[in-house]
Amino acid sequence: MNCTVEHRNQARRVIQQLGERPDVLGTDLVSPAIDPSGRWTIEFALDADGLPPEIVSLLGDAEMTVRDVGPRQSWWHCTAVV
């Protein structure tokens, strides 16, 4: 497997884990061909006041980098890349 496939699979595993959390409202996987960073990107919405430590740990364990996190009306939005 090349690096791109490994990163895609890694991002998919994180999306699966995020989907098991009740505070995650939705997730999206953006391919490097579409994302301006040229990397696999996960975007997700949270019903929380900030980024919970458990999610920070999950992203860190997956060697993902949080690129953006912030409030959006009644929910929080986070973008992470691998």
Protein backbone atom coordinates (compact mmCIF):
# COMPACT_ATOMS: atom_id res chain seq x y z
CA MET A 1 0.00 0.00 0.00
CA ASN A 2 1.17 3.47 -0.70
CA CYS A 3 1.01 6.37 1.72
CA THR A 4 -2.20 7.80 0.23
CA VAL A 5 -4.09 4.53 0.69
CA GLU A 6 -2.79 4.15 4.25
CA HIS A 7 -3.86 7.69 5.11
CA ARG A 8 -7.30 7.15 3.56
CA ASN A 9 -7.79 3.96 5.59
CA GLN A 10 -6.57 5.73 8.72
CA ALA A 11 -9.07 8.56 8.15
CA ARG A 12 -11.88 6.06 7.59
CA ARG A 13 -11.08 4.32 10.90
CA VAL A 14 -11.25 7.67 12.71
CA ILE A 15 -14.59 8.47 11.05
CA GLN A 16 -15.93 5.12 12.21
CA GLN A 17 -14.80 5.82 15.79
CA LEU A 18 -16.26 9.34 15.69
CA GLY A 19 -19.56 7.93 14.43
CA GLU A 20 -19.85 5.84 17.59
CA ARG A 21 -19.86 8.95 19.78
CA PRO A 22 -23.24 10.47 20.74
CA ASP A 23 -21.82 14.01 20.64
CA VAL A 24 -20.74 13.75 16.98
CA LEU A 25 -23.55 14.98 14.75
CA GLY A 26 -21.96 14.07 11.40
CA THR A 27 -18.69 13.43 9.60
CA ASP A 28 -17.31 13.87 6.11
CA LEU A 29 -14.14 12.61 4.42
CA VAL A 30 -12.60 14.95 1.85
CA SER A 31 -10.08 13.52 -0.61
CA PRO A 32 -6.70 15.14 -1.33
CA ALA A 33 -7.89 15.87 -4.87
CA ILE A 34 -10.56 18.22 -3.50
CA ASP A 35 -9.02 19.58 -0.29
CA PRO A 36 -6.65 22.55 -0.80
CA SER A 37 -4.12 20.99 1.61
CA GLY A 38 -3.69 17.97 -0.68
CA ARG A 39 -4.28 15.66 2.30
CA TRP A 40 -7.08 13.40 3.49
CA THR A 41 -9.33 15.63 5.59
CA ILE A 42 -12.04 14.80 8.09
CA GLU A 43 -14.70 17.37 8.84
CA PHE A 44 -17.13 16.75 11.67
CA ALA A 45 -19.81 18.53 13.66
CA LEU A 46 -20.09 18.28 17.44
CA ASP A 47 -22.89 18.85 19.89
CA ALA A 48 -20.43 20.12 22.51
CA ASP A 49 -18.82 23.25 23.87
CA GLY A 50 -15.41 22.82 22.31
CA LEU A 51 -13.35 19.80 21.33
CA PRO A 52 -13.61 17.11 24.04
CA PRO A 53 -10.31 15.67 25.34
CA GLU A 54 -11.36 12.18 24.25
CA ILE A 55 -11.61 13.34 20.63
CA VAL A 56 -8.29 15.18 20.87
CA SER A 57 -6.76 11.91 22.11
CA LEU A 58 -8.44 9.91 19.34
CA LEU A 59 -7.08 12.26 16.67
CA GLY A 60 -3.63 12.28 18.26
CA ASP A 61 -3.51 8.48 18.41
CA ALA A 62 -4.35 8.43 14.69
CA GLU A 63 -1.56 10.95 14.02
CA MET A 64 -4.05 13.49 12.70
CA THR A 65 -3.58 17.24 12.97
CA VAL A 66 -6.44 19.52 13.97
CA ARG A 67 -6.53 22.27 11.39
CA ASP A 68 -9.59 24.19 12.52
CA VAL A 69 -12.09 24.04 15.36
CA GLY A 70 -14.73 26.55 16.29
CA PRO A 71 -18.37 27.26 17.08
CA ARG A 72 -21.04 27.34 14.38
CA GLN A 73 -24.44 28.51 15.58
CA SER A 74 -25.55 25.75 18.01
CA TRP A 75 -22.76 23.24 17.28
CA TRP A 76 -18.98 23.06 16.86
CA HIS A 77 -17.10 22.27 13.65
CA CYS A 78 -13.69 20.57 13.47
CA THR A 79 -11.35 19.85 10.58
CA ALA A 80 -8.46 17.38 10.96
CA VAL A 81 -5.95 16.15 8.39
CA VAL A 82 -3.74 13.11 8.01
